[in-house]
Amino acid sequence: MLKELESEQEKLVCKQSELKDILEKENTDLEKYLDYVEYQISSLASERLSYVDCQKEYDRLYAQKKEELIKGAGETAQKILEITDSLNLASINLKEVKEAIFVGKKVLDSLCSQESMNRRKVFLM
């Protein structure tokens, strides 16, 4: 019986040692992963800083190209820019008209629904 218990204890000690090794490996892997995540976060934060002024840069470059076109091609370039601006404005106006039509339909549906309810009330009286 004592030998069995000693054998069992030995097995448990071995199992404990195996589990400790596994835990150490898992902890090491976790630390490496966390280091990697922190590195990625740092890299992305640094990269994000390069995009902070991108709209201003775009506007500046657009204005620069506009001036170059106007100086280089004169009337043709100015006409292209005017057409582009008109197209953009028409696009915005079209969107607003579509939104207004949508809202108008909603109002009309609501009024029709209200009128239908009023007719029922008169009919029931």
C-alpha atoms as a PDB file:
ATOM      1  CA  MET A   1       0.000   0.000   0.000  1.00  0.00           C
ATOM      2  CA  LEU A   2       2.841   2.371   0.878  1.00  0.00           C
ATOM      3  CA  LYS A   3       4.526   1.610  -2.451  1.00  0.00           C
ATOM      4  CA  GLU A   4       1.310   2.383  -4.268  1.00  0.00           C
ATOM      5  CA  LEU A   5       0.998   5.698  -2.483  1.00  0.00           C
ATOM      6  CA  GLU A   6       4.627   6.542  -3.201  1.00  0.00           C
ATOM      7  CA  SER A   7       4.111   5.626  -6.827  1.00  0.00           C
ATOM      8  CA  GLU A   8       0.977   7.742  -6.953  1.00  0.00           C
ATOM      9  CA  GLN A   9       2.810  10.623  -5.289  1.00  0.00           C
ATOM     10  CA  GLU A  10       5.611  10.322  -7.834  1.00  0.00           C
ATOM     11  CA  LYS A  11       3.107  10.465 -10.675  1.00  0.00           C
ATOM     12  CA  LEU A  12       1.462  13.505  -9.150  1.00  0.00           C
ATOM     13  CA  VAL A  13       4.816  15.236  -8.707  1.00  0.00           C
ATOM     14  CA  CYS A  14       5.621  14.522 -12.374  1.00  0.00           C
ATOM     15  CA  LYS A  15       2.209  15.789 -13.442  1.00  0.00           C
ATOM     16  CA  GLN A  16       2.703  18.903 -11.301  1.00  0.00           C
ATOM     17  CA  SER A  17       6.065  19.505 -12.953  1.00  0.00           C
ATOM     18  CA  GLU A  18       4.540  19.062 -16.425  1.00  0.00           C
ATOM     19  CA  LEU A  19       1.735  21.483 -15.603  1.00  0.00           C
ATOM     20  CA  LYS A  20       4.217  24.047 -14.249  1.00  0.00           C
ATOM     21  CA  ASP A  21       6.219  23.787 -17.474  1.00  0.00           C
ATOM     22  CA  ILE A  22       3.069  24.217 -19.543  1.00  0.00           C
ATOM     23  CA  LEU A  23       2.011  27.208 -17.456  1.00  0.00           C
ATOM     24  CA  GLU A  24       5.438  28.826 -17.824  1.00  0.00           C
ATOM     25  CA  LYS A  25       5.317  28.314 -21.589  1.00  0.00           C
ATOM     26  CA  GLU A  26       1.804  29.752 -21.778  1.00  0.00           C
ATOM     27  CA  ASN A  27       2.841  32.767 -19.707  1.00  0.00           C
ATOM     28  CA  THR A  28       5.887  33.323 -21.913  1.00  0.00           C
ATOM     29  CA  ASP A  29       3.722  33.079 -25.039  1.00  0.00           C
ATOM     30  CA  LEU A  30       1.218  35.483 -23.535  1.00  0.00           C
ATOM     31  CA  GLU A  31       3.936  38.004 -22.694  1.00  0.00           C
ATOM     32  CA  LYS A  32       5.304  37.759 -26.240  1.00  0.00           C
ATOM     33  CA  TYR A  33       1.819  38.235 -27.656  1.00  0.00           C
ATOM     34  CA  LEU A  34       1.166  41.246 -25.434  1.00  0.00           C
ATOM     35  CA  ASP A  35       4.496  42.741 -26.456  1.00  0.00           C
ATOM     36  CA  TYR A  36       3.512  42.213 -30.088  1.00  0.00           C
ATOM     37  CA  VAL A  37       0.103  43.832 -29.524  1.00  0.00           C
ATOM     38  CA  GLU A  38       1.699  46.819 -27.805  1.00  0.00           C
ATOM     39  CA  TYR A  39       4.161  47.128 -30.700  1.00  0.00           C
ATOM     40  CA  GLN A  40       1.310  47.038 -33.229  1.00  0.00           C
ATOM     41  CA  ILE A  41      -0.652  49.659 -31.296  1.00  0.00           C
ATOM     42  CA  SER A  42       2.407  51.878 -31.160  1.00  0.00           C
ATOM     43  CA  SER A  43       3.052  51.417 -34.885  1.00  0.00           C
ATOM     44  CA  LEU A  44      -0.545  52.202 -35.788  1.00  0.00           C
ATOM     45  CA  ALA A  45      -0.576  55.268 -33.529  1.00  0.00           C
ATOM     46  CA  SER A  46       2.576  56.532 -35.239  1.00  0.00           C
ATOM     47  CA  GLU A  47       1.128  55.827 -38.670  1.00  0.00           C
ATOM     48  CA  ARG A  48      -2.093  57.621 -37.734  1.00  0.00           C
ATOM     49  CA  LEU A  49      -0.113  60.766 -37.021  1.00  0.00           C
ATOM     50  CA  SER A  50       0.906  60.883 -40.659  1.00  0.00           C
ATOM     51  CA  TYR A  51      -2.775  61.148 -41.648  1.00  0.00           C
ATOM     52  CA  VAL A  52      -3.709  63.996 -39.304  1.00  0.00           C
ATOM     53  CA  ASP A  53      -3.257  66.743 -41.876  1.00  0.00           C
ATOM     54  CA  CYS A  54      -4.170  64.767 -44.986  1.00  0.00           C
ATOM     55  CA  GLN A  55      -7.314  66.830 -45.740  1.00  0.00           C
ATOM     56  CA  LYS A  56      -5.332  70.065 -45.480  1.00  0.00           C
ATOM     57  CA  GLU A  57      -2.620  68.563 -47.680  1.00  0.00           C
ATOM     58  CA  TYR A  58      -5.229  67.480 -50.236  1.00  0.00           C
ATOM     59  CA  ASP A  59      -6.804  70.943 -50.280  1.00  0.00           C
ATOM     60  CA  ARG A  60      -3.383  72.563 -50.657  1.00  0.00           C
ATOM     61  CA  LEU A  61      -2.410  70.259 -53.525  1.00  0.00           C
ATOM     62  CA  TYR A  62      -5.784  70.739 -55.204  1.00  0.00           C
ATOM     63  CA  ALA A  63      -5.401  74.511 -55.066  1.00  0.00           C
ATOM     64  CA  GLN A  64      -1.845  74.205 -56.374  1.00  0.00           C
ATOM     65  CA  LYS A  65      -2.931  72.020 -59.306  1.00  0.00           C
ATOM     66  CA  LYS A  66      -5.809  74.375 -60.017  1.00  0.00           C
ATOM     67  CA  GLU A  67      -3.413  77.295 -60.261  1.00  0.00           C
ATOM     68  CA  GLU A  68      -1.072  75.293 -62.489  1.00  0.00           C
ATOM     69  CA  LEU A  69      -3.924  74.385 -64.817  1.00  0.00           C
ATOM     70  CA  ILE A  70      -5.175  77.942 -64.966  1.00  0.00           C
ATOM     71  CA  LYS A  71      -1.704  79.267 -65.747  1.00  0.00           C
ATOM     72  CA  GLY A  72      -0.916  76.517 -68.232  1.00  0.00           C
ATOM     73  CA  ALA A  73      -4.120  76.070 -70.173  1.00  0.00           C
ATOM     74  CA  GLY A  74      -6.004  79.240 -69.378  1.00  0.00           C
ATOM     75  CA  GLU A  75      -9.623  79.205 -70.454  1.00  0.00           C
ATOM     76  CA  THR A  76      -9.832  75.442 -71.002  1.00  0.00           C
ATOM     77  CA  ALA A  77      -8.626  74.659 -67.516  1.00  0.00           C
ATOM     78  CA  GLN A  78     -10.946  77.250 -66.013  1.00  0.00           C
ATOM     79  CA  LYS A  79     -13.869  75.753 -67.943  1.00  0.00           C
ATOM     80  CA  ILE A  80     -12.992  72.243 -66.706  1.00  0.00           C
ATOM     81  CA  LEU A  81     -12.894  73.468 -63.122  1.00  0.00           C
ATOM     82  CA  GLU A  82     -16.207  75.305 -63.541  1.00  0.00           C
ATOM     83  CA  ILE A  83     -17.826  72.191 -65.005  1.00  0.00           C
ATOM     84  CA  THR A  84     -16.435  70.082 -62.161  1.00  0.00           C
ATOM     85  CA  ASP A  85     -17.768  72.519 -59.591  1.00  0.00           C
ATOM     86  CA  SER A  86     -21.155  72.580 -61.355  1.00  0.00           C
ATOM     87  CA  LEU A  87     -21.241  68.787 -61.401  1.00  0.00           C
ATOM     88  CA  ASN A  88     -20.474  68.629 -57.695  1.00  0.00           C
ATOM     89  CA  LEU A  89     -23.174  71.196 -56.945  1.00  0.00           C
ATOM     90  CA  ALA A  90     -25.695  69.352 -59.131  1.00  0.00           C
ATOM     91  CA  SER A  91     -24.865  66.131 -57.329  1.00  0.00           C
ATOM     92  CA  ILE A  92     -25.517  67.774 -53.956  1.00  0.00           C
ATOM     93  CA  ASN A  93     -28.762  69.305 -55.237  1.00  0.00           C
ATOM     94  CA  LEU A  94     -29.932  65.946 -56.599  1.00  0.00           C
ATOM     95  CA  LYS A  95     -29.333  64.331 -53.238  1.00  0.00           C
ATOM     96  CA  GLU A  96     -31.316  67.082 -51.500  1.00  0.00           C
ATOM     97  CA  VAL A  97     -34.173  66.747 -54.009  1.00  0.00           C
ATOM     98  CA  LYS A  98     -34.289  62.986 -53.451  1.00  0.00           C
ATOM     99  CA  GLU A  99     -34.387  63.536 -49.694  1.00  0.00           C
ATOM    100  CA  ALA A 100     -37.169  66.113 -50.101  1.00  0.00           C
ATOM    101  CA  ILE A 101     -39.192  63.716 -52.281  1.00  0.00           C
ATOM    102  CA  PHE A 102     -38.738  60.975 -49.706  1.00  0.00           C
ATOM    103  CA  VAL A 103     -39.893  63.254 -46.879  1.00  0.00           C
ATOM    104  CA  GLY A 104     -42.783  64.506 -49.013  1.00  0.00           C
ATOM    105  CA  LYS A 105     -43.946  60.949 -49.641  1.00  0.00           C
ATOM    106  CA  LYS A 106     -43.806  60.231 -45.914  1.00  0.00           C
ATOM    107  CA  VAL A 107     -45.914  63.327 -45.204  1.00  0.00           C
ATOM    108  CA  LEU A 108     -48.380  62.397 -47.948  1.00  0.00           C
ATOM    109  CA  ASP A 109     -48.672  58.851 -46.586  1.00  0.00           C
ATOM    110  CA  SER A 110     -49.277  60.245 -43.123  1.00  0.00           C
ATOM    111  CA  LEU A 111     -51.941  62.659 -44.399  1.00  0.00           C
ATOM    112  CA  CYS A 112     -53.667  59.902 -46.385  1.00  0.00           C
ATOM    113  CA  SER A 113     -53.634  57.681 -43.326  1.00  0.00           C
ATOM    114  CA  GLN A 114     -55.088  60.486 -41.177  1.00  0.00           C
ATOM    115  CA  GLU A 115     -57.774  61.233 -43.786  1.00  0.00           C
ATOM    116  CA  SER A 116     -58.711  57.556 -43.913  1.00  0.00           C
ATOM    117  CA  MET A 117     -59.064  57.500 -40.125  1.00  0.00           C
ATOM    118  CA  ASN A 118     -61.234  60.642 -40.231  1.00  0.00           C
ATOM    119  CA  ARG A 119     -63.545  59.038 -42.824  1.00  0.00           C
ATOM    120  CA  ARG A 120     -63.977  56.000 -40.609  1.00  0.00           C
ATOM    121  CA  LYS A 121     -64.884  58.203 -37.673  1.00  0.00           C
ATOM    122  CA  VAL A 122     -67.527  60.039 -39.750  1.00  0.00           C
ATOM    123  CA  PHE A 123     -68.868  56.729 -41.089  1.00  0.00           C
ATOM    124  CA  LEU A 124     -69.164  55.272 -37.584  1.00  0.00           C
ATOM    125  CA  MET A 125     -71.044  58.303 -36.242  1.00  0.00           C
END
